[in-house]
Amino acid sequence: MSAEQLRFQATIGVEVKGETWSCVEIPGSAEFFGTRKTVRMNATIDEVVLENVGAMVTGTGGHMVSLNAKVRKALGKDIGDTVAVTITTA
């Protein structure tokens, strides 16, 4: 069975409860993952690989992946910057 991929460009920063979180929203994620619940996945953000990370629910029916300070430093990017994202399921 081959892995499915979803590729897109996104801006770092998702509004959650009045705050901007350092996350990237995954477009069409509920359809892609087949659920509106938290899922485990692999992601490549620009050239930084994140393995077996959780895609959290956004509260609006989609998913987002958090980019912690270590990942943002490796990217050389922060909230408001655009990244290329590849999501992979196994």
PDB file of N, CA and C in Angstrom:
ATOM      1  N   MET A   1       0.838  -1.178   0.000  1.00  0.00           N
ATOM      2  CA  MET A   1       0.000   0.000   0.000  1.00  0.00           C
ATOM      3  C   MET A   1       0.883   1.242   0.000  1.00  0.00           C
ATOM      4  N   SER A   2       0.666   2.154  -0.923  1.00  0.00           N
ATOM      5  CA  SER A   2       1.504   3.343  -1.003  1.00  0.00           C
ATOM      6  C   SER A   2       0.919   4.468  -0.157  1.00  0.00           C
ATOM      7  N   ALA A   3       1.788   5.345   0.277  1.00  0.00           N
ATOM      8  CA  ALA A   3       1.365   6.479   1.088  1.00  0.00           C
ATOM      9  C   ALA A   3       0.732   7.544   0.204  1.00  0.00           C
ATOM     10  N   GLU A   4      -0.255   8.229   0.751  1.00  0.00           N
ATOM     11  CA  GLU A   4      -0.870   9.339   0.040  1.00  0.00           C
ATOM     12  C   GLU A   4      -0.185  10.629   0.461  1.00  0.00           C
ATOM     13  N   GLN A   5      -0.112  11.583  -0.467  1.00  0.00           N
ATOM     14  CA  GLN A   5       0.529  12.861  -0.175  1.00  0.00           C
ATOM     15  C   GLN A   5      -0.402  14.019  -0.477  1.00  0.00           C
ATOM     16  N   LEU A   6      -0.242  15.077   0.314  1.00  0.00           N
ATOM     17  CA  LEU A   6      -0.949  16.324   0.103  1.00  0.00           C
ATOM     18  C   LEU A   6       0.110  17.419   0.135  1.00  0.00           C
ATOM     19  N   ARG A   7       0.187  18.208  -0.936  1.00  0.00           N
ATOM     20  CA  ARG A   7       1.193  19.280  -1.028  1.00  0.00           C
ATOM     21  C   ARG A   7       0.482  20.623  -1.135  1.00  0.00           C
ATOM     22  N   PHE A   8       1.022  21.627  -0.413  1.00  0.00           N
ATOM     23  CA  PHE A   8       0.431  22.955  -0.445  1.00  0.00           C
ATOM     24  C   PHE A   8       1.400  23.993   0.124  1.00  0.00           C
ATOM     25  N   GLN A   9       1.116  25.248  -0.120  1.00  0.00           N
ATOM     26  CA  GLN A   9       1.843  26.369   0.466  1.00  0.00           C
ATOM     27  C   GLN A   9       0.973  26.910   1.598  1.00  0.00           C
ATOM     28  N   ALA A  10       1.568  27.336   2.695  1.00  0.00           N
ATOM     29  CA  ALA A  10       0.793  27.862   3.815  1.00  0.00           C
ATOM     30  C   ALA A  10       1.587  28.930   4.546  1.00  0.00           C
ATOM     31  N   THR A  11       0.860  29.782   5.222  1.00  0.00           N
ATOM     32  CA  THR A  11       1.467  30.801   6.079  1.00  0.00           C
ATOM     33  C   THR A  11       1.447  30.284   7.506  1.00  0.00           C
ATOM     34  N   ILE A  12       2.568  30.425   8.203  1.00  0.00           N
ATOM     35  CA  ILE A  12       2.633  30.006   9.602  1.00  0.00           C
ATOM     36  C   ILE A  12       1.768  30.958  10.423  1.00  0.00           C
ATOM     37  N   GLY A  13       0.869  30.390  11.200  1.00  0.00           N
ATOM     38  CA  GLY A  13       0.013  31.183  12.076  1.00  0.00           C
ATOM     39  C   GLY A  13      -1.446  30.804  11.910  1.00  0.00           C
ATOM     40  N   VAL A  14      -2.039  30.262  12.972  1.00  0.00           N
ATOM     41  CA  VAL A  14      -3.448  29.882  12.976  1.00  0.00           C
ATOM     42  C   VAL A  14      -4.099  30.547  14.181  1.00  0.00           C
ATOM     43  N   GLU A  15      -5.230  31.215  13.944  1.00  0.00           N
ATOM     44  CA  GLU A  15      -5.977  31.852  15.029  1.00  0.00           C
ATOM     45  C   GLU A  15      -6.717  30.785  15.828  1.00  0.00           C
ATOM     46  N   VAL A  16      -6.429  30.719  17.131  1.00  0.00           N
ATOM     47  CA  VAL A  16      -7.091  29.788  18.035  1.00  0.00           C
ATOM     48  C   VAL A  16      -7.465  30.545  19.296  1.00  0.00           C
ATOM     49  N   LYS A  17      -8.768  30.640  19.562  1.00  0.00           N
ATOM     50  CA  LYS A  17      -9.270  31.296  20.771  1.00  0.00           C
ATOM     51  C   LYS A  17      -8.672  32.685  20.974  1.00  0.00           C
ATOM     52  N   GLY A  18      -8.597  33.459  19.897  1.00  0.00           N
ATOM     53  CA  GLY A  18      -8.113  34.830  19.989  1.00  0.00           C
ATOM     54  C   GLY A  18      -6.606  35.001  19.998  1.00  0.00           C
ATOM     55  N   GLU A  19      -5.868  33.918  19.874  1.00  0.00           N
ATOM     56  CA  GLU A  19      -4.404  33.976  19.838  1.00  0.00           C
ATOM     57  C   GLU A  19      -3.908  33.385  18.519  1.00  0.00           C
ATOM     58  N   THR A  20      -2.730  33.823  18.083  1.00  0.00           N
ATOM     59  CA  THR A  20      -2.114  33.239  16.888  1.00  0.00           C
ATOM     60  C   THR A  20      -1.104  32.193  17.333  1.00  0.00           C
ATOM     61  N   TRP A  21      -1.364  30.951  16.955  1.00  0.00           N
ATOM     62  CA  TRP A  21      -0.469  29.849  17.284  1.00  0.00           C
ATOM     63  C   TRP A  21       0.492  29.610  16.128  1.00  0.00           C
ATOM     64  N   SER A  22       1.710  29.141  16.440  1.00  0.00           N
ATOM     65  CA  SER A  22       2.708  28.853  15.401  1.00  0.00           C
ATOM     66  C   SER A  22       2.434  27.482  14.792  1.00  0.00           C
ATOM     67  N   CYS A  23       1.361  27.438  14.020  1.00  0.00           N
ATOM     68  CA  CYS A  23       0.903  26.212  13.367  1.00  0.00           C
ATOM     69  C   CYS A  23       0.669  26.492  11.891  1.00  0.00           C
ATOM     70  N   VAL A  24       0.540  25.430  11.125  1.00  0.00           N
ATOM     71  CA  VAL A  24       0.173  25.518   9.721  1.00  0.00           C
ATOM     72  C   VAL A  24      -1.130  24.746   9.549  1.00  0.00           C
ATOM     73  N   GLU A  25      -2.144  25.399   8.992  1.00  0.00           N
ATOM     74  CA  GLU A  25      -3.422  24.734   8.754  1.00  0.00           C
ATOM     75  C   GLU A  25      -3.333  23.887   7.493  1.00  0.00           C
ATOM     76  N   ILE A  26      -3.921  22.692   7.544  1.00  0.00           N
ATOM     77  CA  ILE A  26      -3.876  21.745   6.432  1.00  0.00           C
ATOM     78  C   ILE A  26      -5.191  21.841   5.659  1.00  0.00           C
ATOM     79  N   PRO A  27      -5.164  22.374   4.441  1.00  0.00           N
ATOM     80  CA  PRO A  27      -6.404  22.510   3.673  1.00  0.00           C
ATOM     81  C   PRO A  27      -6.976  21.157   3.247  1.00  0.00           C
ATOM     82  N   GLY A  28      -8.290  20.999   3.373  1.00  0.00           N
ATOM     83  CA  GLY A  28      -8.940  19.756   2.965  1.00  0.00           C
ATOM     84  C   GLY A  28      -8.548  18.561   3.809  1.00  0.00           C
ATOM     85  N   SER A  29      -8.101  18.819   5.033  1.00  0.00           N
ATOM     86  CA  SER A  29      -7.547  17.743   5.860  1.00  0.00           C
ATOM     87  C   SER A  29      -8.567  16.689   6.281  1.00  0.00           C
ATOM     88  N   ALA A  30      -9.787  17.090   6.596  1.00  0.00           N
ATOM     89  CA  ALA A  30     -10.793  16.106   7.038  1.00  0.00           C
ATOM     90  C   ALA A  30     -11.049  15.084   5.939  1.00  0.00           C
ATOM     91  N   GLU A  31     -11.109  15.548   4.702  1.00  0.00           N
ATOM     92  CA  GLU A  31     -11.306  14.634   3.576  1.00  0.00           C
ATOM     93  C   GLU A  31     -10.055  13.799   3.337  1.00  0.00           C
ATOM     94  N   PHE A  32      -8.884  14.429   3.422  1.00  0.00           N
ATOM     95  CA  PHE A  32      -7.620  13.732   3.177  1.00  0.00           C
ATOM     96  C   PHE A  32      -7.399  12.626   4.208  1.00  0.00           C
ATOM     97  N   PHE A  33      -7.600  12.932   5.502  1.00  0.00           N
ATOM     98  CA  PHE A  33      -7.384  11.948   6.560  1.00  0.00           C
ATOM     99  C   PHE A  33      -8.585  11.036   6.763  1.00  0.00           C
ATOM    100  N   GLY A  34      -9.761  11.463   6.306  1.00  0.00           N
ATOM    101  CA  GLY A  34     -10.966  10.658   6.487  1.00  0.00           C
ATOM    102  C   GLY A  34     -11.536  10.735   7.885  1.00  0.00           C
ATOM    103  N   THR A  35     -11.150  11.763   8.649  1.00  0.00           N
ATOM    104  CA  THR A  35     -11.641  11.944  10.012  1.00  0.00           C
ATOM    105  C   THR A  35     -11.488  13.405  10.419  1.00  0.00           C
ATOM    106  N   ARG A  36     -12.239  13.792  11.430  1.00  0.00           N
ATOM    107  CA  ARG A  36     -12.115  15.135  12.009  1.00  0.00           C
ATOM    108  C   ARG A  36     -11.448  15.057  13.379  1.00  0.00           C
ATOM    109  N   LYS A  37     -10.835  13.902  13.674  1.00  0.00           N
ATOM    110  CA  LYS A  37     -10.135  13.696  14.943  1.00  0.00           C
ATOM    111  C   LYS A  37      -8.635  13.839  14.725  1.00  0.00           C
ATOM    112  N   THR A  38      -7.887  13.987  15.817  1.00  0.00           N
ATOM    113  CA  THR A  38      -6.430  14.074  15.756  1.00  0.00           C
ATOM    114  C   THR A  38      -5.859  12.824  15.093  1.00  0.00           C
ATOM    115  N   VAL A  39      -4.882  13.009  14.210  1.00  0.00           N
ATOM    116  CA  VAL A  39      -4.244  11.893  13.506  1.00  0.00           C
ATOM    117  C   VAL A  39      -2.725  12.030  13.572  1.00  0.00           C
ATOM    118  N   ARG A  40      -2.025  10.924  13.384  1.00  0.00           N
ATOM    119  CA  ARG A  40      -0.556  10.931  13.302  1.00  0.00           C
ATOM    120  C   ARG A  40      -0.193  10.923  11.822  1.00  0.00           C
ATOM    121  N   MET A  41       0.865  11.665  11.477  1.00  0.00           N
ATOM    122  CA  MET A  41       1.273  11.760  10.083  1.00  0.00           C
ATOM    123  C   MET A  41       2.732  12.171  10.019  1.00  0.00           C
ATOM    124  N   ASN A  42       3.271  12.160   8.805  1.00  0.00           N
ATOM    125  CA  ASN A  42       4.609  12.678   8.543  1.00  0.00           C
ATOM    126  C   ASN A  42       4.438  13.958   7.740  1.00  0.00           C
ATOM    127  N   ALA A  43       5.336  14.908   7.967  1.00  0.00           N
ATOM    128  CA  ALA A  43       5.262  16.170   7.232  1.00  0.00           C
ATOM    129  C   ALA A  43       6.658  16.637   6.872  1.00  0.00           C
ATOM    130  N   THR A  44       6.763  17.289   5.729  1.00  0.00           N
ATOM    131  CA  THR A  44       7.989  17.988   5.364  1.00  0.00           C
ATOM    132  C   THR A  44       7.599  19.448   5.198  1.00  0.00           C
ATOM    133  N   ILE A  45       8.219  20.303   6.000  1.00  0.00           N
ATOM    134  CA  ILE A  45       7.970  21.741   5.955  1.00  0.00           C
ATOM    135  C   ILE A  45       9.231  22.356   5.361  1.00  0.00           C
ATOM    136  N   ASP A  46       9.121  22.937   4.165  1.00  0.00           N
ATOM    137  CA  ASP A  46      10.302  23.320   3.385  1.00  0.00           C
ATOM    138  C   ASP A  46      11.204  22.079   3.325  1.00  0.00           C
ATOM    139  N   GLU A  47      12.365  22.092   3.935  1.00  0.00           N
ATOM    140  CA  GLU A  47      13.238  20.912   3.897  1.00  0.00           C
ATOM    141  C   GLU A  47      13.327  20.208   5.253  1.00  0.00           C
ATOM    142  N   VAL A  48      12.527  20.630   6.229  1.00  0.00           N
ATOM    143  CA  VAL A  48      12.567  20.045   7.568  1.00  0.00           C
ATOM    144  C   VAL A  48      11.546  18.907   7.651  1.00  0.00           C
ATOM    145  N   VAL A  49      12.023  17.713   8.012  1.00  0.00           N
ATOM    146  CA  VAL A  49      11.167  16.525   8.084  1.00  0.00           C
ATOM    147  C   VAL A  49      10.672  16.338   9.520  1.00  0.00           C
ATOM    148  N   LEU A  50       9.351  16.163   9.644  1.00  0.00           N
ATOM    149  CA  LEU A  50       8.723  15.874  10.933  1.00  0.00           C
ATOM    150  C   LEU A  50       8.080  14.497  10.811  1.00  0.00           C
ATOM    151  N   GLU A  51       8.541  13.546  11.619  1.00  0.00           N
ATOM    152  CA  GLU A  51       8.028  12.178  11.528  1.00  0.00           C
ATOM    153  C   GLU A  51       7.081  11.868  12.673  1.00  0.00           C
ATOM    154  N   ASN A  52       5.980  11.194  12.332  1.00  0.00           N
ATOM    155  CA  ASN A  52       4.996  10.729  13.305  1.00  0.00           C
ATOM    156  C   ASN A  52       4.534  11.849  14.239  1.00  0.00           C
ATOM    157  N   VAL A  53       4.142  12.974  13.664  1.00  0.00           N
ATOM    158  CA  VAL A  53       3.633  14.096  14.450  1.00  0.00           C
ATOM    159  C   VAL A  53       2.113  14.095  14.416  1.00  0.00           C
ATOM    160  N   GLY A  54       1.521  14.740  15.403  1.00  0.00           N
ATOM    161  CA  GLY A  54       0.073  14.818  15.466  1.00  0.00           C
ATOM    162  C   GLY A  54      -0.459  16.004  14.690  1.00  0.00           C
ATOM    163  N   ALA A  55      -1.496  15.755  13.922  1.00  0.00           N
ATOM    164  CA  ALA A  55      -2.241  16.838  13.280  1.00  0.00           C
ATOM    165  C   ALA A  55      -3.426  17.114  14.196  1.00  0.00           C
ATOM    166  N   MET A  56      -3.395  18.249  14.875  1.00  0.00           N
ATOM    167  CA  MET A  56      -4.432  18.598  15.837  1.00  0.00           C
ATOM    168  C   MET A  56      -5.656  19.149  15.123  1.00  0.00           C
ATOM    169  N   VAL A  57      -6.812  18.979  15.747  1.00  0.00           N
ATOM    170  CA  VAL A  57      -8.036  19.540  15.178  1.00  0.00           C
ATOM    171  C   VAL A  57      -8.055  21.048  15.418  1.00  0.00           C
ATOM    172  N   THR A  58      -8.619  21.780  14.461  1.00  0.00           N
ATOM    173  CA  THR A  58      -8.649  23.242  14.544  1.00  0.00           C
ATOM    174  C   THR A  58      -9.862  23.776  15.287  1.00  0.00           C
ATOM    175  N   GLY A  59     -10.883  22.955  15.432  1.00  0.00           N
ATOM    176  CA  GLY A  59     -12.120  23.425  16.028  1.00  0.00           C
ATOM    177  C   GLY A  59     -13.113  23.891  14.978  1.00  0.00           C
ATOM    178  N   THR A  60     -12.657  23.959  13.732  1.00  0.00           N
ATOM    179  CA  THR A  60     -13.534  24.355  12.626  1.00  0.00           C
ATOM    180  C   THR A  60     -13.666  23.227  11.603  1.00  0.00           C
ATOM    181  N   GLY A  61     -13.330  22.005  12.021  1.00  0.00           N
ATOM    182  CA  GLY A  61     -13.485  20.849  11.145  1.00  0.00           C
ATOM    183  C   GLY A  61     -12.238  20.455  10.378  1.00  0.00           C
ATOM    184  N   GLY A  62     -11.136  21.152  10.595  1.00  0.00           N
ATOM    185  CA  GLY A  62      -9.893  20.830   9.900  1.00  0.00           C
ATOM    186  C   GLY A  62      -8.799  20.409  10.863  1.00  0.00           C
ATOM    187  N   HIS A  63      -7.575  20.397  10.366  1.00  0.00           N
ATOM    188  CA  HIS A  63      -6.405  20.009  11.153  1.00  0.00           C
ATOM    189  C   HIS A  63      -5.294  21.043  10.981  1.00  0.00           C
ATOM    190  N   MET A  64      -4.374  21.048  11.957  1.00  0.00           N
ATOM    191  CA  MET A  64      -3.188  21.898  11.875  1.00  0.00           C
ATOM    192  C   MET A  64      -2.020  21.151  12.484  1.00  0.00           C
ATOM    193  N   VAL A  65      -0.821  21.509  12.050  1.00  0.00           N
ATOM    194  CA  VAL A  65       0.394  20.922  12.597  1.00  0.00           C
ATOM    195  C   VAL A  65       1.196  22.041  13.258  1.00  0.00           C
ATOM    196  N   SER A  66       1.614  21.790  14.480  1.00  0.00           N
ATOM    197  CA  SER A  66       2.354  22.778  15.263  1.00  0.00           C
ATOM    198  C   SER A  66       3.825  22.814  14.848  1.00  0.00           C
ATOM    199  N   LEU A  67       4.374  24.013  14.785  1.00  0.00           N
ATOM    200  CA  LEU A  67       5.796  24.194  14.478  1.00  0.00           C
ATOM    201  C   LEU A  67       6.447  24.817  15.706  1.00  0.00           C
ATOM    202  N   ASN A  68       7.110  23.990  16.502  1.00  0.00           N
ATOM    203  CA  ASN A  68       7.722  24.503  17.729  1.00  0.00           C
ATOM    204  C   ASN A  68       8.934  25.377  17.421  1.00  0.00           C
ATOM    205  N   ALA A  69       9.493  25.980  18.463  1.00  0.00           N
ATOM    206  CA  ALA A  69      10.609  26.921  18.290  1.00  0.00           C
ATOM    207  C   ALA A  69      11.803  26.276  17.588  1.00  0.00           C
ATOM    208  N   LYS A  70      12.097  25.016  17.896  1.00  0.00           N
ATOM    209  CA  LYS A  70      13.226  24.308  17.265  1.00  0.00           C
ATOM    210  C   LYS A  70      13.000  24.175  15.762  1.00  0.00           C
ATOM    211  N   VAL A  71      11.777  23.807  15.370  1.00  0.00           N
ATOM    212  CA  VAL A  71      11.452  23.658  13.946  1.00  0.00           C
ATOM    213  C   VAL A  71      11.507  25.019  13.252  1.00  0.00           C
ATOM    214  N   ARG A  72      10.925  26.047  13.868  1.00  0.00           N
ATOM    215  CA  ARG A  72      10.943  27.382  13.261  1.00  0.00           C
ATOM    216  C   ARG A  72      12.372  27.899  13.104  1.00  0.00           C
ATOM    217  N   LYS A  73      13.239  27.593  14.062  1.00  0.00           N
ATOM    218  CA  LYS A  73      14.649  28.004  13.968  1.00  0.00           C
ATOM    219  C   LYS A  73      15.334  27.283  12.804  1.00  0.00           C
ATOM    220  N   ALA A  74      15.076  25.972  12.666  1.00  0.00           N
ATOM    221  CA  ALA A  74      15.656  25.198  11.565  1.00  0.00           C
ATOM    222  C   ALA A  74      15.176  25.733  10.216  1.00  0.00           C
ATOM    223  N   LEU A  75      13.908  26.191  10.172  1.00  0.00           N
ATOM    224  CA  LEU A  75      13.353  26.764   8.951  1.00  0.00           C
ATOM    225  C   LEU A  75      13.873  28.173   8.694  1.00  0.00           C
ATOM    226  N   GLY A  76      14.257  28.860   9.761  1.00  0.00           N
ATOM    227  CA  GLY A  76      14.614  30.274   9.642  1.00  0.00           C
ATOM    228  C   GLY A  76      13.375  31.120   9.395  1.00  0.00           C
ATOM    229  N   LYS A  77      12.224  30.648   9.908  1.00  0.00           N
ATOM    230  CA  LYS A  77      10.954  31.328   9.665  1.00  0.00           C
ATOM    231  C   LYS A  77      10.140  31.398  10.945  1.00  0.00           C
ATOM    232  N   ASP A  78       9.124  32.278  10.934  1.00  0.00           N
ATOM    233  CA  ASP A  78       8.263  32.449  12.096  1.00  0.00           C
ATOM    234  C   ASP A  78       6.853  32.779  11.630  1.00  0.00           C
ATOM    235  N   ILE A  79       5.983  33.126  12.555  1.00  0.00           N
ATOM    236  CA  ILE A  79       4.596  33.451  12.241  1.00  0.00           C
ATOM    237  C   ILE A  79       4.546  34.536  11.167  1.00  0.00           C
ATOM    238  N   GLY A  80       3.728  34.302  10.154  1.00  0.00           N
ATOM    239  CA  GLY A  80       3.581  35.234   9.037  1.00  0.00           C
ATOM    240  C   GLY A  80       4.377  34.846   7.805  1.00  0.00           C
ATOM    241  N   ASP A  81       5.338  33.933   7.960  1.00  0.00           N
ATOM    242  CA  ASP A  81       6.156  33.485   6.830  1.00  0.00           C
ATOM    243  C   ASP A  81       5.470  32.320   6.111  1.00  0.00           C
ATOM    244  N   THR A  82       5.745  32.187   4.817  1.00  0.00           N
ATOM    245  CA  THR A  82       5.159  31.128   3.998  1.00  0.00           C
ATOM    246  C   THR A  82       6.112  29.944   3.895  1.00  0.00           C
ATOM    247  N   VAL A  83       5.535  28.740   3.947  1.00  0.00           N
ATOM    248  CA  VAL A  83       6.311  27.507   3.833  1.00  0.00           C
ATOM    249  C   VAL A  83       5.653  26.572   2.821  1.00  0.00           C
ATOM    250  N   ALA A  84       6.464  25.687   2.256  1.00  0.00           N
ATOM    251  CA  ALA A  84       5.962  24.612   1.384  1.00  0.00           C
ATOM    252  C   ALA A  84       5.800  23.383   2.253  1.00  0.00           C
ATOM    253  N   VAL A  85       4.618  22.761   2.173  1.00  0.00           N
ATOM    254  CA  VAL A  85       4.288  21.647   3.058  1.00  0.00           C
ATOM    255  C   VAL A  85       3.923  20.403   2.249  1.00  0.00           C
ATOM    256  N   THR A  86       4.449  19.257   2.671  1.00  0.00           N
ATOM    257  CA  THR A  86       4.029  17.962   2.128  1.00  0.00           C
ATOM    258  C   THR A  86       3.616  17.104   3.310  1.00  0.00           C
ATOM    259  N   ILE A  87       2.357  16.641   3.283  1.00  0.00           N
ATOM    260  CA  ILE A  87       1.824  15.764   4.326  1.00  0.00           C
ATOM    261  C   ILE A  87       1.751  14.362   3.732  1.00  0.00           C
ATOM    262  N   THR A  88       2.189  13.372   4.506  1.00  0.00           N
ATOM    263  CA  THR A  88       2.169  11.984   4.043  1.00  0.00           C
ATOM    264  C   THR A  88       1.515  11.099   5.078  1.00  0.00           C
ATOM    265  N   THR A  89       0.623  10.224   4.614  1.00  0.00           N
ATOM    266  CA  THR A  89       0.058   9.197   5.474  1.00  0.00           C
ATOM    267  C   THR A  89       0.629   7.862   5.032  1.00  0.00           C
ATOM    268  N   ALA A  90       0.694   6.935   5.952  1.00  0.00           N
ATOM    269  CA  ALA A  90       1.237   5.614   5.598  1.00  0.00           C
ATOM    270  C   ALA A  90       0.137   4.616   5.358  1.00  0.00           C
TER     271      ALA A  90
END
